[in-house]
Amino acid sequence: MVAIVILVIGAAAIFAGASMWSASRKARGWPVAAGTITERAVGPSTTTGASRPGRYVEPKVTYTYTVDGKPYTGHRIALTTNAYDEAQAKKIVDALPDRVDVHYNPADPSDAVLQTSSIGLAMLALAAGVIGIVAGAAMLLARTRG
């Protein structure tokens, strides 16, 4: 039973990693508009992976940009949302310049991010998935031989 759970978790990690990789590749090809950060803050984490609610926070920004003469407001820094301790989240928000490049989805300009890359997280998920698949398969194989 444990082997099957590890296989399922490994498969889910591979799926998540591949999805992040694909989204990151698409977003890197999005057009860029000049934007201005209008608000910076640190707020409660909204990620499901953040254990112990209230302990972790995430950087929050509001920025404005214009596409084809139409103004937009964005809030996403990256394709994925990460939780940090308060000092690290504040450091991330403070490091963003007032003037930013906003990468927007040409099919839906309201879908925008400041940072398009989540390759590192995608690779981590893919590696964890492969390890889970190999470990789960090895456990199943050992069980059938024993």
C-alpha atoms as a PDB file:
ATOM      1  CA  MET A   1       0.000   0.000   0.000  1.00  0.00           C
ATOM      2  CA  VAL A   2       2.804   2.438   0.898  1.00  0.00           C
ATOM      3  CA  ALA A   3       4.520   1.721  -2.427  1.00  0.00           C
ATOM      4  CA  ILE A   4       1.371   2.619  -4.346  1.00  0.00           C
ATOM      5  CA  VAL A   5       0.975   5.870  -2.395  1.00  0.00           C
ATOM      6  CA  ILE A   6       4.595   6.777  -3.188  1.00  0.00           C
ATOM      7  CA  LEU A   7       3.993   5.977  -6.876  1.00  0.00           C
ATOM      8  CA  VAL A   8       0.889   8.195  -6.945  1.00  0.00           C
ATOM      9  CA  ILE A   9       2.694  11.056  -5.210  1.00  0.00           C
ATOM     10  CA  GLY A  10       5.607  10.674  -7.622  1.00  0.00           C
ATOM     11  CA  ALA A  11       3.276  10.773 -10.613  1.00  0.00           C
ATOM     12  CA  ALA A  12       1.517  13.858  -9.223  1.00  0.00           C
ATOM     13  CA  ALA A  13       4.867  15.598  -8.715  1.00  0.00           C
ATOM     14  CA  ILE A  14       5.888  14.822 -12.293  1.00  0.00           C
ATOM     15  CA  PHE A  15       2.565  16.167 -13.573  1.00  0.00           C
ATOM     16  CA  ALA A  16       2.927  19.348 -11.480  1.00  0.00           C
ATOM     17  CA  GLY A  17       6.528  19.864 -12.580  1.00  0.00           C
ATOM     18  CA  ALA A  18       5.664  19.383 -16.246  1.00  0.00           C
ATOM     19  CA  SER A  19       2.739  21.814 -15.924  1.00  0.00           C
ATOM     20  CA  MET A  20       4.939  24.458 -14.290  1.00  0.00           C
ATOM     21  CA  TRP A  21       7.641  23.957 -16.921  1.00  0.00           C
ATOM     22  CA  SER A  22       5.109  24.371 -19.735  1.00  0.00           C
ATOM     23  CA  ALA A  23       3.505  27.475 -18.205  1.00  0.00           C
ATOM     24  CA  SER A  24       6.913  29.048 -17.646  1.00  0.00           C
ATOM     25  CA  ARG A  25       7.965  28.416 -21.250  1.00  0.00           C
ATOM     26  CA  LYS A  26       4.755  30.006 -22.548  1.00  0.00           C
ATOM     27  CA  ALA A  27       5.029  33.029 -20.255  1.00  0.00           C
ATOM     28  CA  ARG A  28       8.626  33.703 -21.291  1.00  0.00           C
ATOM     29  CA  GLY A  29       7.261  34.287 -24.803  1.00  0.00           C
ATOM     30  CA  TRP A  30       4.579  36.753 -23.678  1.00  0.00           C
ATOM     31  CA  PRO A  31       4.827  40.393 -24.769  1.00  0.00           C
ATOM     32  CA  VAL A  32       6.129  42.932 -22.274  1.00  0.00           C
ATOM     33  CA  ALA A  33       4.550  46.228 -21.228  1.00  0.00           C
ATOM     34  CA  ALA A  34       6.062  48.925 -19.045  1.00  0.00           C
ATOM     35  CA  GLY A  35       4.496  48.934 -15.603  1.00  0.00           C
ATOM     36  CA  THR A  36       4.636  50.801 -12.323  1.00  0.00           C
ATOM     37  CA  ILE A  37       4.357  49.288  -8.868  1.00  0.00           C
ATOM     38  CA  THR A  38       1.736  51.243  -6.950  1.00  0.00           C
ATOM     39  CA  GLU A  39       1.590  49.197  -3.754  1.00  0.00           C
ATOM     40  CA  ARG A  40       3.925  46.865  -1.833  1.00  0.00           C
ATOM     41  CA  ALA A  41       3.044  44.773   1.185  1.00  0.00           C
ATOM     42  CA  VAL A  42       3.553  41.494   2.975  1.00  0.00           C
ATOM     43  CA  GLY A  43       0.431  39.490   3.701  1.00  0.00           C
ATOM     44  CA  PRO A  44      -0.764  36.129   4.970  1.00  0.00           C
ATOM     45  CA  SER A  45       0.203  33.181   2.817  1.00  0.00           C
ATOM     46  CA  THR A  46      -2.436  31.827   0.473  1.00  0.00           C
ATOM     47  CA  THR A  47      -0.463  28.742  -0.555  1.00  0.00           C
ATOM     48  CA  THR A  48      -1.810  25.386   0.476  1.00  0.00           C
ATOM     49  CA  GLY A  49       1.694  24.165   1.234  1.00  0.00           C
ATOM     50  CA  ALA A  50       2.353  26.705   3.971  1.00  0.00           C
ATOM     51  CA  SER A  51       2.217  24.796   7.213  1.00  0.00           C
ATOM     52  CA  ARG A  52       1.176  26.442  10.446  1.00  0.00           C
ATOM     53  CA  PRO A  53      -1.113  29.273   9.263  1.00  0.00           C
ATOM     54  CA  GLY A  54       0.095  32.705  10.288  1.00  0.00           C
ATOM     55  CA  ARG A  55       3.743  31.696  10.389  1.00  0.00           C
ATOM     56  CA  TYR A  56       4.435  32.228   6.706  1.00  0.00           C
ATOM     57  CA  VAL A  57       3.639  35.236   4.570  1.00  0.00           C
ATOM     58  CA  GLU A  58       3.993  36.153   0.929  1.00  0.00           C
ATOM     59  CA  PRO A  59       5.051  39.286  -0.892  1.00  0.00           C
ATOM     60  CA  LYS A  60       2.114  41.249  -2.286  1.00  0.00           C
ATOM     61  CA  VAL A  61       2.261  43.913  -4.986  1.00  0.00           C
ATOM     62  CA  THR A  62      -0.099  45.933  -7.090  1.00  0.00           C
ATOM     63  CA  TYR A  63       1.115  47.282 -10.411  1.00  0.00           C
ATOM     64  CA  THR A  64      -0.433  49.096 -13.336  1.00  0.00           C
ATOM     65  CA  TYR A  65       0.342  48.700 -17.023  1.00  0.00           C
ATOM     66  CA  THR A  66      -1.232  49.552 -20.365  1.00  0.00           C
ATOM     67  CA  VAL A  67      -1.832  47.283 -23.363  1.00  0.00           C
ATOM     68  CA  ASP A  68      -3.176  48.756 -26.601  1.00  0.00           C
ATOM     69  CA  GLY A  69      -4.280  51.887 -24.763  1.00  0.00           C
ATOM     70  CA  LYS A  70      -6.262  49.996 -22.130  1.00  0.00           C
ATOM     71  CA  PRO A  71      -5.116  50.212 -18.492  1.00  0.00           C
ATOM     72  CA  TYR A  72      -4.735  47.049 -16.394  1.00  0.00           C
ATOM     73  CA  THR A  73      -3.904  46.301 -12.784  1.00  0.00           C
ATOM     74  CA  GLY A  74      -1.907  43.223 -11.800  1.00  0.00           C
ATOM     75  CA  HIS A  75      -0.967  41.533  -8.552  1.00  0.00           C
ATOM     76  CA  ARG A  76       1.080  38.450  -9.432  1.00  0.00           C
ATOM     77  CA  ILE A  77       4.838  38.564  -9.064  1.00  0.00           C
ATOM     78  CA  ALA A  78       5.448  35.110 -10.527  1.00  0.00           C
ATOM     79  CA  LEU A  79       3.566  32.166 -11.980  1.00  0.00           C
ATOM     80  CA  THR A  80       3.726  30.357  -8.645  1.00  0.00           C
ATOM     81  CA  THR A  81       3.066  31.741  -5.186  1.00  0.00           C
ATOM     82  CA  ASN A  82       5.640  31.008  -2.519  1.00  0.00           C
ATOM     83  CA  ALA A  83       5.480  31.367   1.246  1.00  0.00           C
ATOM     84  CA  TYR A  84       8.353  32.925   3.193  1.00  0.00           C
ATOM     85  CA  ASP A  85       9.157  34.124   6.648  1.00  0.00           C
ATOM     86  CA  GLU A  86       8.300  37.804   7.037  1.00  0.00           C
ATOM     87  CA  ALA A  87      11.856  39.133   6.664  1.00  0.00           C
ATOM     88  CA  GLN A  88      12.428  37.256   3.385  1.00  0.00           C
ATOM     89  CA  ALA A  89       9.047  38.290   1.941  1.00  0.00           C
ATOM     90  CA  LYS A  90       9.786  41.934   2.797  1.00  0.00           C
ATOM     91  CA  LYS A  91      13.195  41.626   1.139  1.00  0.00           C
ATOM     92  CA  ILE A  92      11.589  40.332  -2.062  1.00  0.00           C
ATOM     93  CA  VAL A  93       9.005  43.125  -2.171  1.00  0.00           C
ATOM     94  CA  ASP A  94      11.567  45.824  -1.396  1.00  0.00           C
ATOM     95  CA  ALA A  95      13.935  44.540  -4.117  1.00  0.00           C
ATOM     96  CA  LEU A  96      11.371  45.144  -6.864  1.00  0.00           C
ATOM     97  CA  PRO A  97      11.982  48.438  -8.708  1.00  0.00           C
ATOM     98  CA  ASP A  98       9.236  51.046  -9.043  1.00  0.00           C
ATOM     99  CA  ARG A  99       9.254  50.636 -12.833  1.00  0.00           C
ATOM    100  CA  VAL A 100       8.829  47.014 -13.916  1.00  0.00           C
ATOM    101  CA  ASP A 101       8.476  44.918 -17.047  1.00  0.00           C
ATOM    102  CA  VAL A 102       5.058  43.281 -17.020  1.00  0.00           C
ATOM    103  CA  HIS A 103       4.760  40.058 -19.012  1.00  0.00           C
ATOM    104  CA  TYR A 104       1.160  39.676 -20.141  1.00  0.00           C
ATOM    105  CA  ASN A 105      -0.790  36.943 -21.865  1.00  0.00           C
ATOM    106  CA  PRO A 106      -1.619  38.212 -25.373  1.00  0.00           C
ATOM    107  CA  ALA A 107      -4.899  36.251 -25.345  1.00  0.00           C
ATOM    108  CA  ASP A 108      -5.890  37.852 -22.010  1.00  0.00           C
ATOM    109  CA  PRO A 109      -3.832  40.946 -21.107  1.00  0.00           C
ATOM    110  CA  SER A 110      -5.274  40.943 -17.569  1.00  0.00           C
ATOM    111  CA  ASP A 111      -3.270  37.730 -16.986  1.00  0.00           C
ATOM    112  CA  ALA A 112       0.171  39.089 -16.150  1.00  0.00           C
ATOM    113  CA  VAL A 113       3.301  38.474 -14.073  1.00  0.00           C
ATOM    114  CA  LEU A 114       6.514  40.301 -13.297  1.00  0.00           C
ATOM    115  CA  GLN A 115       8.723  37.195 -13.294  1.00  0.00           C
ATOM    116  CA  THR A 116       8.095  34.464 -15.849  1.00  0.00           C
ATOM    117  CA  SER A 117      10.445  31.756 -14.648  1.00  0.00           C
ATOM    118  CA  SER A 118       9.480  28.943 -12.334  1.00  0.00           C
ATOM    119  CA  ILE A 119      11.948  26.537 -13.920  1.00  0.00           C
ATOM    120  CA  GLY A 120      13.769  25.847 -10.635  1.00  0.00           C
ATOM    121  CA  LEU A 121      10.586  24.802  -8.880  1.00  0.00           C
ATOM    122  CA  ALA A 122       9.514  22.770 -11.929  1.00  0.00           C
ATOM    123  CA  MET A 123      12.825  20.911 -11.976  1.00  0.00           C
ATOM    124  CA  LEU A 124      12.557  20.236  -8.247  1.00  0.00           C
ATOM    125  CA  ALA A 125       9.053  18.799  -8.677  1.00  0.00           C
ATOM    126  CA  LEU A 126      10.156  16.685 -11.644  1.00  0.00           C
ATOM    127  CA  ALA A 127      13.171  15.328  -9.726  1.00  0.00           C
ATOM    128  CA  ALA A 128      11.035  14.545  -6.670  1.00  0.00           C
ATOM    129  CA  GLY A 129       8.523  12.805  -8.912  1.00  0.00           C
ATOM    130  CA  VAL A 130      11.155  10.642 -10.558  1.00  0.00           C
ATOM    131  CA  ILE A 131      12.569   9.708  -7.152  1.00  0.00           C
ATOM    132  CA  GLY A 132       9.049   8.828  -5.951  1.00  0.00           C
ATOM    133  CA  ILE A 133       8.339   6.684  -9.014  1.00  0.00           C
ATOM    134  CA  VAL A 134      11.663   4.848  -8.708  1.00  0.00           C
ATOM    135  CA  ALA A 135      11.271   4.319  -4.950  1.00  0.00           C
ATOM    136  CA  GLY A 136       7.664   3.165  -5.264  1.00  0.00           C
ATOM    137  CA  ALA A 137       8.500   0.794  -8.122  1.00  0.00           C
ATOM    138  CA  ALA A 138      11.452  -0.622  -6.207  1.00  0.00           C
ATOM    139  CA  MET A 139       9.241  -1.229  -3.172  1.00  0.00           C
ATOM    140  CA  LEU A 140       6.625  -3.010  -5.312  1.00  0.00           C
ATOM    141  CA  LEU A 141       9.274  -5.086  -7.036  1.00  0.00           C
ATOM    142  CA  ALA A 142      10.860  -6.070  -3.709  1.00  0.00           C
ATOM    143  CA  ARG A 143       7.463  -7.050  -2.357  1.00  0.00           C
ATOM    144  CA  THR A 144       6.607  -9.255  -5.325  1.00  0.00           C
ATOM    145  CA  ARG A 145       9.978 -11.018  -5.164  1.00  0.00           C
ATOM    146  CA  GLY A 146       9.861 -11.545  -1.424  1.00  0.00           C
END
